[in-house]
């Protein structure tokens, strides 16, 4: 399975930095796109995912994409993923 996280951020956003740190902490495959110099493209991404703030975090697996959301959504994602993985 090809599991990967993609995140669009602004460099000075404290929630973006915290989400970035969480991805490193979880040791998952990820790509971080710093959008400070491409705000038009960032607006397009916000519109595509219907998510108006940064960070915008997406989970990709086997060609499918799922919006996780922002920083607090990512924390909850990993909390729930860990609970499910350790249930048995």
PDB file of N, CA and C in Angstrom:
ATOM      1  N   UNK A   1       0.837  -1.194   0.000  1.00  0.00           N
ATOM      2  CA  UNK A   1       0.000   0.000   0.000  1.00  0.00           C
ATOM      3  C   UNK A   1       0.875   1.247   0.000  1.00  0.00           C
ATOM      4  N   UNK A   2       0.494   2.207  -0.790  1.00  0.00           N
ATOM      5  CA  UNK A   2       1.207   3.462  -0.891  1.00  0.00           C
ATOM      6  C   UNK A   2       0.486   4.499  -0.045  1.00  0.00           C
ATOM      7  N   UNK A   3       0.990   4.737   1.179  1.00  0.00           N
ATOM      8  CA  UNK A   3       0.382   5.708   2.095  1.00  0.00           C
ATOM      9  C   UNK A   3       1.259   6.942   2.147  1.00  0.00           C
ATOM     10  N   UNK A   4       0.642   8.109   1.959  1.00  0.00           N
ATOM     11  CA  UNK A   4       1.410   9.342   1.904  1.00  0.00           C
ATOM     12  C   UNK A   4       0.521  10.510   2.339  1.00  0.00           C
ATOM     13  N   UNK A   5       1.107  11.456   3.031  1.00  0.00           N
ATOM     14  CA  UNK A   5       0.413  12.663   3.456  1.00  0.00           C
ATOM     15  C   UNK A   5       0.948  13.840   2.659  1.00  0.00           C
ATOM     16  N   UNK A   6       0.050  14.741   2.270  1.00  0.00           N
ATOM     17  CA  UNK A   6       0.429  15.960   1.569  1.00  0.00           C
ATOM     18  C   UNK A   6      -0.144  17.124   2.367  1.00  0.00           C
ATOM     19  N   UNK A   7       0.706  18.138   2.579  1.00  0.00           N
ATOM     20  CA  UNK A   7       0.276  19.286   3.371  1.00  0.00           C
ATOM     21  C   UNK A   7       0.677  20.572   2.663  1.00  0.00           C
ATOM     22  N   UNK A   8      -0.246  21.529   2.620  1.00  0.00           N
ATOM     23  CA  UNK A   8       0.012  22.858   2.092  1.00  0.00           C
ATOM     24  C   UNK A   8       0.010  23.807   3.275  1.00  0.00           C
ATOM     25  N   UNK A   9       1.086  24.614   3.377  1.00  0.00           N
ATOM     26  CA  UNK A   9       1.251  25.475   4.541  1.00  0.00           C
ATOM     27  C   UNK A   9       1.722  26.865   4.139  1.00  0.00           C
ATOM     28  N   UNK A  10       1.701  27.774   5.121  1.00  0.00           N
ATOM     29  CA  UNK A  10       2.390  29.054   5.036  1.00  0.00           C
ATOM     30  C   UNK A  10       3.491  29.007   6.094  1.00  0.00           C
ATOM     31  N   UNK A  11       4.640  29.523   5.756  1.00  0.00           N
ATOM     32  CA  UNK A  11       5.836  29.365   6.591  1.00  0.00           C
ATOM     33  C   UNK A  11       5.692  29.951   7.990  1.00  0.00           C
ATOM     34  N   UNK A  12       4.933  31.021   8.147  1.00  0.00           N
ATOM     35  CA  UNK A  12       4.832  31.679   9.450  1.00  0.00           C
ATOM     36  C   UNK A  12       3.609  31.253  10.270  1.00  0.00           C
ATOM     37  N   UNK A  13       2.950  30.201   9.861  1.00  0.00           N
ATOM     38  CA  UNK A  13       1.725  29.721  10.525  1.00  0.00           C
ATOM     39  C   UNK A  13       2.086  28.737  11.634  1.00  0.00           C
ATOM     40  N   UNK A  14       1.762  29.082  12.885  1.00  0.00           N
ATOM     41  CA  UNK A  14       2.129  28.209  14.012  1.00  0.00           C
ATOM     42  C   UNK A  14       1.410  26.862  13.946  1.00  0.00           C
ATOM     43  N   UNK A  15       0.179  26.821  13.453  1.00  0.00           N
ATOM     44  CA  UNK A  15      -0.533  25.547  13.321  1.00  0.00           C
ATOM     45  C   UNK A  15       0.100  24.674  12.242  1.00  0.00           C
ATOM     46  N   UNK A  16       0.612  25.325  11.197  1.00  0.00           N
ATOM     47  CA  UNK A  16       1.300  24.594  10.125  1.00  0.00           C
ATOM     48  C   UNK A  16       2.585  23.967  10.645  1.00  0.00           C
ATOM     49  N   UNK A  17       3.332  24.717  11.432  1.00  0.00           N
ATOM     50  CA  UNK A  17       4.584  24.218  12.001  1.00  0.00           C
ATOM     51  C   UNK A  17       4.310  23.047  12.932  1.00  0.00           C
ATOM     52  N   UNK A  18       3.266  23.164  13.734  1.00  0.00           N
ATOM     53  CA  UNK A  18       2.904  22.071  14.644  1.00  0.00           C
ATOM     54  C   UNK A  18       2.462  20.824  13.874  1.00  0.00           C
ATOM     55  N   UNK A  19       1.699  21.013  12.801  1.00  0.00           N
ATOM     56  CA  UNK A  19       1.270  19.874  11.970  1.00  0.00           C
ATOM     57  C   UNK A  19       2.474  19.229  11.301  1.00  0.00           C
ATOM     58  N   UNK A  20       3.392  20.041  10.814  1.00  0.00           N
ATOM     59  CA  UNK A  20       4.634  19.523  10.217  1.00  0.00           C
ATOM     60  C   UNK A  20       5.391  18.670  11.232  1.00  0.00           C
ATOM     61  N   UNK A  21       5.511  19.186  12.448  1.00  0.00           N
ATOM     62  CA  UNK A  21       6.209  18.459  13.505  1.00  0.00           C
ATOM     63  C   UNK A  21       5.522  17.136  13.816  1.00  0.00           C
ATOM     64  N   UNK A  22       4.195  17.117  13.766  1.00  0.00           N
ATOM     65  CA  UNK A  22       3.438  15.889  14.028  1.00  0.00           C
ATOM     66  C   UNK A  22       3.720  14.838  12.958  1.00  0.00           C
ATOM     67  N   UNK A  23       3.810  15.257  11.704  1.00  0.00           N
ATOM     68  CA  UNK A  23       4.130  14.307  10.633  1.00  0.00           C
ATOM     69  C   UNK A  23       5.519  13.699  10.840  1.00  0.00           C
ATOM     70  N   UNK A  24       6.483  14.528  11.242  1.00  0.00           N
ATOM     71  CA  UNK A  24       7.823  14.007  11.537  1.00  0.00           C
ATOM     72  C   UNK A  24       7.786  13.066  12.736  1.00  0.00           C
ATOM     73  N   UNK A  25       7.058  13.441  13.762  1.00  0.00           N
ATOM     74  CA  UNK A  25       6.936  12.618  14.977  1.00  0.00           C
ATOM     75  C   UNK A  25       6.345  11.246  14.655  1.00  0.00           C
ATOM     76  N   UNK A  26       5.351  11.217  13.782  1.00  0.00           N
ATOM     77  CA  UNK A  26       4.687   9.968  13.419  1.00  0.00           C
ATOM     78  C   UNK A  26       5.516   9.134  12.434  1.00  0.00           C
ATOM     79  N   UNK A  27       6.567   9.737  11.886  1.00  0.00           N
ATOM     80  CA  UNK A  27       7.473   9.039  10.955  1.00  0.00           C
ATOM     81  C   UNK A  27       6.734   8.466   9.748  1.00  0.00           C
ATOM     82  N   UNK A  28       5.867   9.293   9.172  1.00  0.00           N
ATOM     83  CA  UNK A  28       5.098   8.881   7.999  1.00  0.00           C
ATOM     84  C   UNK A  28       5.648   9.574   6.754  1.00  0.00           C
ATOM     85  N   UNK A  29       5.418   8.963   5.619  1.00  0.00           N
ATOM     86  CA  UNK A  29       5.805   9.550   4.349  1.00  0.00           C
ATOM     87  C   UNK A  29       4.946  10.785   4.104  1.00  0.00           C
ATOM     88  N   UNK A  30       5.597  11.904   3.749  1.00  0.00           N
ATOM     89  CA  UNK A  30       4.824  13.125   3.536  1.00  0.00           C
ATOM     90  C   UNK A  30       5.555  14.101   2.623  1.00  0.00           C
ATOM     91  N   UNK A  31       4.767  15.008   2.086  1.00  0.00           N
ATOM     92  CA  UNK A  31       5.263  16.117   1.287  1.00  0.00           C
ATOM     93  C   UNK A  31       4.688  17.391   1.870  1.00  0.00           C
ATOM     94  N   UNK A  32       5.538  18.380   2.045  1.00  0.00           N
ATOM     95  CA  UNK A  32       5.101  19.679   2.560  1.00  0.00           C
ATOM     96  C   UNK A  32       5.301  20.718   1.468  1.00  0.00           C
ATOM     97  N   UNK A  33       4.228  21.417   1.142  1.00  0.00           N
ATOM     98  CA  UNK A  33       4.270  22.470   0.127  1.00  0.00           C
ATOM     99  C   UNK A  33       4.133  23.821   0.815  1.00  0.00           C
ATOM    100  N   UNK A  34       5.186  24.625   0.787  1.00  0.00           N
ATOM    101  CA  UNK A  34       5.154  25.964   1.373  1.00  0.00           C
ATOM    102  C   UNK A  34       4.639  26.917   0.301  1.00  0.00           C
ATOM    103  N   UNK A  35       3.511  27.553   0.580  1.00  0.00           N
ATOM    104  CA  UNK A  35       2.779  28.276  -0.453  1.00  0.00           C
ATOM    105  C   UNK A  35       2.905  29.796  -0.369  1.00  0.00           C
ATOM    106  N   UNK A  36       3.832  30.314   0.415  1.00  0.00           N
ATOM    107  CA  UNK A  36       3.965  31.760   0.603  1.00  0.00           C
ATOM    108  C   UNK A  36       4.129  32.526  -0.714  1.00  0.00           C
ATOM    109  N   UNK A  37       4.803  31.932  -1.680  1.00  0.00           N
ATOM    110  CA  UNK A  37       5.060  32.606  -2.956  1.00  0.00           C
ATOM    111  C   UNK A  37       4.078  32.224  -4.057  1.00  0.00           C
ATOM    112  N   UNK A  38       3.033  31.486  -3.714  1.00  0.00           N
ATOM    113  CA  UNK A  38       2.051  31.069  -4.721  1.00  0.00           C
ATOM    114  C   UNK A  38       0.644  31.081  -4.125  1.00  0.00           C
ATOM    115  N   UNK A  39       0.224  32.257  -3.703  1.00  0.00           N
ATOM    116  CA  UNK A  39      -1.067  32.386  -3.023  1.00  0.00           C
ATOM    117  C   UNK A  39      -2.256  32.121  -3.941  1.00  0.00           C
ATOM    118  N   UNK A  40      -2.098  32.356  -5.237  1.00  0.00           N
ATOM    119  CA  UNK A  40      -3.172  32.051  -6.184  1.00  0.00           C
ATOM    120  C   UNK A  40      -3.404  30.542  -6.209  1.00  0.00           C
ATOM    121  N   UNK A  41      -2.319  29.793  -6.290  1.00  0.00           N
ATOM    122  CA  UNK A  41      -2.440  28.322  -6.273  1.00  0.00           C
ATOM    123  C   UNK A  41      -3.001  27.846  -4.932  1.00  0.00           C
ATOM    124  N   UNK A  42      -2.575  28.480  -3.843  1.00  0.00           N
ATOM    125  CA  UNK A  42      -3.111  28.114  -2.523  1.00  0.00           C
ATOM    126  C   UNK A  42      -4.623  28.340  -2.485  1.00  0.00           C
ATOM    127  N   UNK A  43      -5.087  29.439  -3.048  1.00  0.00           N
ATOM    128  CA  UNK A  43      -6.538  29.685  -3.113  1.00  0.00           C
ATOM    129  C   UNK A  43      -7.244  28.588  -3.907  1.00  0.00           C
ATOM    130  N   UNK A  44      -6.628  28.124  -4.988  1.00  0.00           N
ATOM    131  CA  UNK A  44      -7.203  27.031  -5.783  1.00  0.00           C
ATOM    132  C   UNK A  44      -7.290  25.741  -4.951  1.00  0.00           C
ATOM    133  N   UNK A  45      -6.256  25.468  -4.186  1.00  0.00           N
ATOM    134  CA  UNK A  45      -6.245  24.265  -3.339  1.00  0.00           C
ATOM    135  C   UNK A  45      -7.300  24.382  -2.244  1.00  0.00           C
ATOM    136  N   UNK A  46      -7.419  25.564  -1.650  1.00  0.00           N
ATOM    137  CA  UNK A  46      -8.461  25.783  -0.638  1.00  0.00           C
ATOM    138  C   UNK A  46      -9.848  25.532  -1.232  1.00  0.00           C
ATOM    139  N   UNK A  47     -10.053  26.009  -2.450  1.00  0.00           N
ATOM    140  CA  UNK A  47     -11.341  25.820  -3.119  1.00  0.00           C
ATOM    141  C   UNK A  47     -11.575  24.350  -3.450  1.00  0.00           C
ATOM    142  N   UNK A  48     -10.558  23.678  -3.958  1.00  0.00           N
ATOM    143  CA  UNK A  48     -10.688  22.264  -4.318  1.00  0.00           C
ATOM    144  C   UNK A  48     -11.125  21.429  -3.120  1.00  0.00           C
ATOM    145  N   UNK A  49     -10.477  21.666  -1.981  1.00  0.00           N
ATOM    146  CA  UNK A  49     -10.750  20.858  -0.791  1.00  0.00           C
ATOM    147  C   UNK A  49     -11.825  21.457   0.110  1.00  0.00           C
ATOM    148  N   UNK A  50     -12.331  22.648  -0.265  1.00  0.00           N
ATOM    149  CA  UNK A  50     -13.345  23.338   0.552  1.00  0.00           C
ATOM    150  C   UNK A  50     -12.863  23.486   1.995  1.00  0.00           C
ATOM    151  N   UNK A  51     -11.615  23.932   2.101  1.00  0.00           N
ATOM    152  CA  UNK A  51     -10.969  24.132   3.408  1.00  0.00           C
ATOM    153  C   UNK A  51     -10.316  25.512   3.364  1.00  0.00           C
ATOM    154  N   UNK A  52     -10.803  26.443   4.170  1.00  0.00           N
ATOM    155  CA  UNK A  52     -10.430  27.851   4.012  1.00  0.00           C
ATOM    156  C   UNK A  52      -9.174  28.278   4.761  1.00  0.00           C
ATOM    157  N   UNK A  53      -8.603  27.419   5.582  1.00  0.00           N
ATOM    158  CA  UNK A  53      -7.433  27.797   6.362  1.00  0.00           C
ATOM    159  C   UNK A  53      -6.267  26.845   6.078  1.00  0.00           C
ATOM    160  N   UNK A  54      -5.077  27.261   6.501  1.00  0.00           N
ATOM    161  CA  UNK A  54      -3.915  26.389   6.438  1.00  0.00           C
ATOM    162  C   UNK A  54      -3.568  25.953   7.850  1.00  0.00           C
ATOM    163  N   UNK A  55      -2.999  24.783   7.986  1.00  0.00           N
ATOM    164  CA  UNK A  55      -2.600  23.864   6.936  1.00  0.00           C
ATOM    165  C   UNK A  55      -3.794  23.128   6.323  1.00  0.00           C
ATOM    166  N   UNK A  56      -3.587  22.657   5.119  1.00  0.00           N
ATOM    167  CA  UNK A  56      -4.523  21.748   4.454  1.00  0.00           C
ATOM    168  C   UNK A  56      -3.787  20.422   4.342  1.00  0.00           C
ATOM    169  N   UNK A  57      -4.349  19.391   4.950  1.00  0.00           N
ATOM    170  CA  UNK A  57      -3.661  18.107   5.008  1.00  0.00           C
ATOM    171  C   UNK A  57      -4.530  17.043   4.349  1.00  0.00           C
ATOM    172  N   UNK A  58      -3.908  16.313   3.429  1.00  0.00           N
ATOM    173  CA  UNK A  58      -4.601  15.279   2.658  1.00  0.00           C
ATOM    174  C   UNK A  58      -3.851  13.959   2.823  1.00  0.00           C
ATOM    175  N   UNK A  59      -4.609  12.891   2.961  1.00  0.00           N
ATOM    176  CA  UNK A  59      -4.049  11.544   3.050  1.00  0.00           C
ATOM    177  C   UNK A  59      -4.265  10.855   1.712  1.00  0.00           C
ATOM    178  N   UNK A  60      -3.193  10.260   1.175  1.00  0.00           N
ATOM    179  CA  UNK A  60      -3.279   9.537  -0.104  1.00  0.00           C
ATOM    180  C   UNK A  60      -2.889   8.084   0.132  1.00  0.00           C
ATOM    181  N   UNK A  61      -3.718   7.197  -0.417  1.00  0.00           N
ATOM    182  CA  UNK A  61      -3.420   5.767  -0.341  1.00  0.00           C
ATOM    183  C   UNK A  61      -3.926   5.095  -1.597  1.00  0.00           C
ATOM    184  N   UNK A  62      -3.026   4.411  -2.289  1.00  0.00           N
ATOM    185  CA  UNK A  62      -3.371   3.661  -3.494  1.00  0.00           C
ATOM    186  C   UNK A  62      -4.182   4.483  -4.492  1.00  0.00           C
ATOM    187  N   UNK A  63      -3.763   5.725  -4.706  1.00  0.00           N
ATOM    188  CA  UNK A  63      -4.407   6.580  -5.694  1.00  0.00           C
ATOM    189  C   UNK A  63      -5.636   7.321  -5.210  1.00  0.00           C
ATOM    190  N   UNK A  64      -6.122   7.012  -4.032  1.00  0.00           N
ATOM    191  CA  UNK A  64      -7.284   7.700  -3.465  1.00  0.00           C
ATOM    192  C   UNK A  64      -6.806   8.818  -2.539  1.00  0.00           C
ATOM    193  N   UNK A  65      -7.571   9.914  -2.481  1.00  0.00           N
ATOM    194  CA  UNK A  65      -7.237  11.041  -1.619  1.00  0.00           C
ATOM    195  C   UNK A  65      -8.380  11.315  -0.649  1.00  0.00           C
ATOM    196  N   UNK A  66      -8.006  11.674   0.564  1.00  0.00           N
ATOM    197  CA  UNK A  66      -8.998  12.013   1.590  1.00  0.00           C
ATOM    198  C   UNK A  66      -8.510  13.239   2.346  1.00  0.00           C
ATOM    199  N   UNK A  67      -9.375  14.240   2.455  1.00  0.00           N
ATOM    200  CA  UNK A  67      -9.039  15.422   3.230  1.00  0.00           C
ATOM    201  C   UNK A  67      -9.056  15.073   4.709  1.00  0.00           C
ATOM    202  N   UNK A  68      -7.951  15.325   5.379  1.00  0.00           N
ATOM    203  CA  UNK A  68      -7.917  15.206   6.840  1.00  0.00           C
ATOM    204  C   UNK A  68      -8.422  16.508   7.434  1.00  0.00           C
ATOM    205  N   UNK A  69      -7.928  17.620   6.925  1.00  0.00           N
ATOM    206  CA  UNK A  69      -8.334  18.939   7.416  1.00  0.00           C
ATOM    207  C   UNK A  69      -7.120  19.735   7.827  1.00  0.00           C
ATOM    208  N   UNK A  70      -7.180  20.281   9.043  1.00  0.00           N
ATOM    209  CA  UNK A  70      -6.106  21.111   9.550  1.00  0.00           C
ATOM    210  C   UNK A  70      -5.344  20.443  10.680  1.00  0.00           C
ATOM    211  N   UNK A  71      -4.679  21.267  11.484  1.00  0.00           N
ATOM    212  CA  UNK A  71      -3.807  20.790  12.550  1.00  0.00           C
ATOM    213  C   UNK A  71      -4.525  19.892  13.554  1.00  0.00           C
ATOM    214  N   UNK A  72      -5.623  20.373  14.133  1.00  0.00           N
ATOM    215  CA  UNK A  72      -6.333  19.578  15.149  1.00  0.00           C
ATOM    216  C   UNK A  72      -6.931  18.309  14.538  1.00  0.00           C
ATOM    217  N   UNK A  73      -7.334  18.386  13.279  1.00  0.00           N
ATOM    218  CA  UNK A  73      -7.856  17.198  12.586  1.00  0.00           C
ATOM    219  C   UNK A  73      -6.761  16.141  12.424  1.00  0.00           C
ATOM    220  N   UNK A  74      -5.549  16.591  12.134  1.00  0.00           N
ATOM    221  CA  UNK A  74      -4.423  15.667  11.989  1.00  0.00           C
ATOM    222  C   UNK A  74      -4.116  14.974  13.315  1.00  0.00           C
ATOM    223  N   UNK A  75      -4.124  15.725  14.411  1.00  0.00           N
ATOM    224  CA  UNK A  75      -3.876  15.141  15.733  1.00  0.00           C
ATOM    225  C   UNK A  75      -4.933  14.077  16.039  1.00  0.00           C
ATOM    226  N   UNK A  76      -6.171  14.385  15.748  1.00  0.00           N
ATOM    227  CA  UNK A  76      -7.268  13.439  15.987  1.00  0.00           C
ATOM    228  C   UNK A  76      -7.139  12.221  15.075  1.00  0.00           C
ATOM    229  N   UNK A  77      -6.730  12.444  13.832  1.00  0.00           N
ATOM    230  CA  UNK A  77      -6.523  11.370  12.857  1.00  0.00           C
ATOM    231  C   UNK A  77      -5.541  10.346  13.407  1.00  0.00           C
ATOM    232  N   UNK A  78      -4.403  10.819  13.894  1.00  0.00           N
ATOM    233  CA  UNK A  78      -3.391   9.899  14.404  1.00  0.00           C
ATOM    234  C   UNK A  78      -3.845   9.234  15.699  1.00  0.00           C
ATOM    235  N   UNK A  79      -4.577   9.943  16.512  1.00  0.00           N
ATOM    236  CA  UNK A  79      -5.111   9.357  17.750  1.00  0.00           C
ATOM    237  C   UNK A  79      -6.061   8.211  17.409  1.00  0.00           C
ATOM    238  N   UNK A  80      -6.981   8.438  16.497  1.00  0.00           N
ATOM    239  CA  UNK A  80      -7.953   7.405  16.109  1.00  0.00           C
ATOM    240  C   UNK A  80      -7.282   6.273  15.352  1.00  0.00           C
ATOM    241  N   UNK A  81      -6.307   6.595  14.494  1.00  0.00           N
ATOM    242  CA  UNK A  81      -5.596   5.571  13.741  1.00  0.00           C
ATOM    243  C   UNK A  81      -4.836   4.644  14.691  1.00  0.00           C
ATOM    244  N   UNK A  82      -4.220   5.227  15.706  1.00  0.00           N
ATOM    245  CA  UNK A  82      -3.474   4.437  16.684  1.00  0.00           C
ATOM    246  C   UNK A  82      -4.425   3.530  17.467  1.00  0.00           C
ATOM    247  N   UNK A  83      -5.554   4.069  17.879  1.00  0.00           N
ATOM    248  CA  UNK A  83      -6.535   3.275  18.638  1.00  0.00           C
ATOM    249  C   UNK A  83      -7.018   2.088  17.796  1.00  0.00           C
ATOM    250  N   UNK A  84      -7.351   2.348  16.531  1.00  0.00           N
ATOM    251  CA  UNK A  84      -7.838   1.281  15.661  1.00  0.00           C
ATOM    252  C   UNK A  84      -6.754   0.230  15.414  1.00  0.00           C
ATOM    253  N   UNK A  85      -5.534   0.667  15.197  1.00  0.00           N
ATOM    254  CA  UNK A  85      -4.431  -0.253  14.905  1.00  0.00           C
ATOM    255  C   UNK A  85      -4.084  -1.124  16.115  1.00  0.00           C
ATOM    256  N   UNK A  86      -4.358  -0.644  17.317  1.00  0.00           N
ATOM    257  CA  UNK A  86      -3.963  -1.369  18.521  1.00  0.00           C
ATOM    258  C   UNK A  86      -5.148  -1.998  19.254  1.00  0.00           C
ATOM    259  N   UNK A  87      -6.259  -2.110  18.588  1.00  0.00           N
ATOM    260  CA  UNK A  87      -7.468  -2.673  19.195  1.00  0.00           C
ATOM    261  C   UNK A  87      -7.342  -4.186  19.412  1.00  0.00           C
ATOM    262  N   UNK A  88      -6.724  -4.902  18.492  1.00  0.00           N
ATOM    263  CA  UNK A  88      -6.657  -6.367  18.576  1.00  0.00           C
ATOM    264  C   UNK A  88      -5.497  -6.834  19.412  1.00  0.00           C
TER     265      UNK A  88
END
